[in-house]
Amino acid sequence: MESMELEMQRLKIESQEKWREICKEIPSLNFKKEWNVKIIPPFGGALARFWIGYKENYVSVYLDWYGRLGCVEEPYWELYPWEDDVKRYYLTETEELLKDIETVLESE
C-alpha cells in the first residue's frame, strides 16, 4: 500500500511540473565520446542533473526549469565549477555550455 501512495505522489509532482511537456523543450546535448556522463537524481529542485568526468577533472551540471535554485527567471543550465564559482546558461545556449564543459575537463 505504501508503494502505491508513493507512486501517486510521484505522478502528482510529474503532472504539476509538466515533465512530459517539458521533455519536448529540453535541447539535446552532444557529449564527446571520451567523457564519462553520470545521470543523477534531480535533487534540490532541479529538473535534471548530471556529472561529467574526464581524466582527473569533473563538472556538475543541472537544469533549473522553474528558477528555484538561482537568480534566473527562465529555464537555465548551471555549470560547476567555473573559475572558482558557477556559470549559468540560458536553455538554448548549449554550444556555450558544452564549450565551457570541455574547457574545465581539459584543464591541467
C-alpha atoms as a PDB file:
ATOM      1  CA  MET A   1       0.000   0.000   0.000  1.00  0.00           C
ATOM      2  CA  GLU A   2       2.852   2.381   0.814  1.00  0.00           C
ATOM      3  CA  SER A   3       4.384   1.967  -2.639  1.00  0.00           C
ATOM      4  CA  MET A   4       1.059   2.891  -4.262  1.00  0.00           C
ATOM      5  CA  GLU A   5       0.911   6.074  -2.195  1.00  0.00           C
ATOM      6  CA  LEU A   6       4.482   6.981  -3.166  1.00  0.00           C
ATOM      7  CA  GLU A   7       3.677   6.341  -6.822  1.00  0.00           C
ATOM      8  CA  MET A   8       0.656   8.618  -6.611  1.00  0.00           C
ATOM      9  CA  GLN A   9       2.800  11.366  -5.059  1.00  0.00           C
ATOM     10  CA  ARG A  10       5.339  10.987  -7.879  1.00  0.00           C
ATOM     11  CA  LEU A  11       2.631  11.150 -10.547  1.00  0.00           C
ATOM     12  CA  LYS A  12       1.187  14.258  -8.912  1.00  0.00           C
ATOM     13  CA  ILE A  13       4.569  16.046  -8.996  1.00  0.00           C
ATOM     14  CA  GLU A  14       5.238  14.946 -12.576  1.00  0.00           C
ATOM     15  CA  SER A  15       1.834  16.287 -13.594  1.00  0.00           C
ATOM     16  CA  GLN A  16       2.061  19.555 -11.652  1.00  0.00           C
ATOM     17  CA  GLU A  17       5.517  20.282 -13.064  1.00  0.00           C
ATOM     18  CA  LYS A  18       4.544  19.209 -16.590  1.00  0.00           C
ATOM     19  CA  TRP A  19       7.525  16.888 -17.016  1.00  0.00           C
ATOM     20  CA  ARG A  20       6.147  15.186 -20.137  1.00  0.00           C
ATOM     21  CA  GLU A  21       5.575  18.520 -21.872  1.00  0.00           C
ATOM     22  CA  ILE A  22       8.979  19.843 -20.817  1.00  0.00           C
ATOM     23  CA  CYS A  23      10.731  16.805 -22.339  1.00  0.00           C
ATOM     24  CA  LYS A  24       9.880  18.180 -25.774  1.00  0.00           C
ATOM     25  CA  GLU A  25      11.558  21.517 -24.993  1.00  0.00           C
ATOM     26  CA  ILE A  26      14.868  20.377 -23.490  1.00  0.00           C
ATOM     27  CA  PRO A  27      17.567  20.595 -26.158  1.00  0.00           C
ATOM     28  CA  SER A  28      19.871  17.678 -26.862  1.00  0.00           C
ATOM     29  CA  LEU A  29      23.441  17.829 -25.612  1.00  0.00           C
ATOM     30  CA  ASN A  30      26.050  16.070 -27.728  1.00  0.00           C
ATOM     31  CA  PHE A  31      28.786  14.981 -25.352  1.00  0.00           C
ATOM     32  CA  LYS A  32      32.214  13.897 -26.508  1.00  0.00           C
ATOM     33  CA  LYS A  33      32.551  10.129 -26.514  1.00  0.00           C
ATOM     34  CA  GLU A  34      35.568  10.313 -24.158  1.00  0.00           C
ATOM     35  CA  TRP A  35      33.530  11.937 -21.410  1.00  0.00           C
ATOM     36  CA  ASN A  36      32.004   9.829 -18.666  1.00  0.00           C
ATOM     37  CA  VAL A  37      28.472  11.120 -18.126  1.00  0.00           C
ATOM     38  CA  LYS A  38      26.626  10.073 -14.997  1.00  0.00           C
ATOM     39  CA  ILE A  39      22.939  10.955 -14.729  1.00  0.00           C
ATOM     40  CA  ILE A  40      21.912  11.585 -11.130  1.00  0.00           C
ATOM     41  CA  PRO A  41      18.549  12.280  -9.462  1.00  0.00           C
ATOM     42  CA  PRO A  42      17.253  15.853  -9.694  1.00  0.00           C
ATOM     43  CA  PHE A  43      17.523  16.734  -6.007  1.00  0.00           C
ATOM     44  CA  GLY A  44      17.139  20.217  -4.576  1.00  0.00           C
ATOM     45  CA  GLY A  45      14.533  21.469  -7.022  1.00  0.00           C
ATOM     46  CA  ALA A  46      16.486  20.885 -10.248  1.00  0.00           C
ATOM     47  CA  LEU A  47      14.664  19.292 -13.168  1.00  0.00           C
ATOM     48  CA  ALA A  48      17.723  17.296 -14.289  1.00  0.00           C
ATOM     49  CA  ARG A  49      21.291  16.756 -13.069  1.00  0.00           C
ATOM     50  CA  PHE A  50      24.425  15.079 -14.361  1.00  0.00           C
ATOM     51  CA  TRP A  51      28.149  14.847 -13.713  1.00  0.00           C
ATOM     52  CA  ILE A  52      30.778  14.602 -16.403  1.00  0.00           C
ATOM     53  CA  GLY A  53      34.266  13.300 -15.794  1.00  0.00           C
ATOM     54  CA  TYR A  54      37.342  13.180 -17.986  1.00  0.00           C
ATOM     55  CA  LYS A  55      40.853  12.323 -16.867  1.00  0.00           C
ATOM     56  CA  GLU A  56      41.078  13.745 -13.329  1.00  0.00           C
ATOM     57  CA  ASN A  57      38.547  16.546 -13.861  1.00  0.00           C
ATOM     58  CA  TYR A  58      34.796  16.694 -13.437  1.00  0.00           C
ATOM     59  CA  VAL A  59      31.904  19.109 -13.764  1.00  0.00           C
ATOM     60  CA  SER A  60      28.414  19.122 -12.362  1.00  0.00           C
ATOM     61  CA  VAL A  61      25.513  20.456 -14.409  1.00  0.00           C
ATOM     62  CA  TYR A  62      21.877  20.911 -13.556  1.00  0.00           C
ATOM     63  CA  LEU A  63      18.829  22.207 -15.363  1.00  0.00           C
ATOM     64  CA  ASP A  64      16.648  24.580 -13.339  1.00  0.00           C
ATOM     65  CA  TRP A  65      13.385  24.891 -15.205  1.00  0.00           C
ATOM     66  CA  TYR A  66      11.450  26.964 -12.694  1.00  0.00           C
ATOM     67  CA  GLY A  67      14.116  29.348 -11.360  1.00  0.00           C
ATOM     68  CA  ARG A  68      14.156  27.675  -7.967  1.00  0.00           C
ATOM     69  CA  LEU A  69      17.889  27.428  -7.436  1.00  0.00           C
ATOM     70  CA  GLY A  70      19.366  30.636  -8.759  1.00  0.00           C
ATOM     71  CA  CYS A  71      18.610  34.119  -9.867  1.00  0.00           C
ATOM     72  CA  VAL A  72      17.436  33.313 -13.410  1.00  0.00           C
ATOM     73  CA  GLU A  73      13.702  33.580 -14.027  1.00  0.00           C
ATOM     74  CA  GLU A  74      13.589  31.237 -17.021  1.00  0.00           C
ATOM     75  CA  PRO A  75      14.967  27.749 -17.708  1.00  0.00           C
ATOM     76  CA  TYR A  76      18.752  27.650 -17.447  1.00  0.00           C
ATOM     77  CA  TRP A  77      21.735  25.331 -17.065  1.00  0.00           C
ATOM     78  CA  GLU A  78      24.249  25.774 -14.264  1.00  0.00           C
ATOM     79  CA  LEU A  79      27.842  24.543 -14.566  1.00  0.00           C
ATOM     80  CA  TYR A  80      30.112  23.944 -11.580  1.00  0.00           C
ATOM     81  CA  PRO A  81      32.978  24.555 -11.156  1.00  0.00           C
ATOM     82  CA  TRP A  82      33.711  27.568 -13.303  1.00  0.00           C
ATOM     83  CA  GLU A  83      36.567  29.859 -12.247  1.00  0.00           C
ATOM     84  CA  ASP A  84      36.002  29.099  -8.532  1.00  0.00           C
ATOM     85  CA  ASP A  85      32.277  29.773  -8.912  1.00  0.00           C
ATOM     86  CA  VAL A  86      29.385  28.689 -11.147  1.00  0.00           C
ATOM     87  CA  LYS A  87      28.311  29.758 -14.613  1.00  0.00           C
ATOM     88  CA  ARG A  88      24.761  29.883 -15.937  1.00  0.00           C
ATOM     89  CA  TYR A  89      23.446  29.492 -19.483  1.00  0.00           C
ATOM     90  CA  TYR A  90      20.025  30.046 -20.944  1.00  0.00           C
ATOM     91  CA  LEU A  91      18.341  26.860 -22.111  1.00  0.00           C
ATOM     92  CA  THR A  92      19.317  27.373 -25.755  1.00  0.00           C
ATOM     93  CA  GLU A  93      22.975  28.216 -25.037  1.00  0.00           C
ATOM     94  CA  THR A  94      24.008  24.592 -25.363  1.00  0.00           C
ATOM     95  CA  GLU A  95      27.044  25.246 -27.576  1.00  0.00           C
ATOM     96  CA  GLU A  96      28.466  27.655 -24.993  1.00  0.00           C
ATOM     97  CA  LEU A  97      27.720  25.187 -22.189  1.00  0.00           C
ATOM     98  CA  LEU A  98      29.465  22.327 -23.996  1.00  0.00           C
ATOM     99  CA  LYS A  99      32.455  24.516 -24.871  1.00  0.00           C
ATOM    100  CA  ASP A 100      32.880  25.525 -21.230  1.00  0.00           C
ATOM    101  CA  ILE A 101      32.471  21.935 -20.039  1.00  0.00           C
ATOM    102  CA  GLU A 102      35.297  20.996 -22.392  1.00  0.00           C
ATOM    103  CA  THR A 103      37.428  23.885 -21.081  1.00  0.00           C
ATOM    104  CA  VAL A 104      37.076  22.651 -17.491  1.00  0.00           C
ATOM    105  CA  LEU A 105      37.588  18.995 -18.366  1.00  0.00           C
ATOM    106  CA  GLU A 106      40.692  19.716 -20.450  1.00  0.00           C
ATOM    107  CA  SER A 107      42.321  21.982 -17.845  1.00  0.00           C
ATOM    108  CA  GLU A 108      45.522  20.822 -16.191  1.00  0.00           C
END
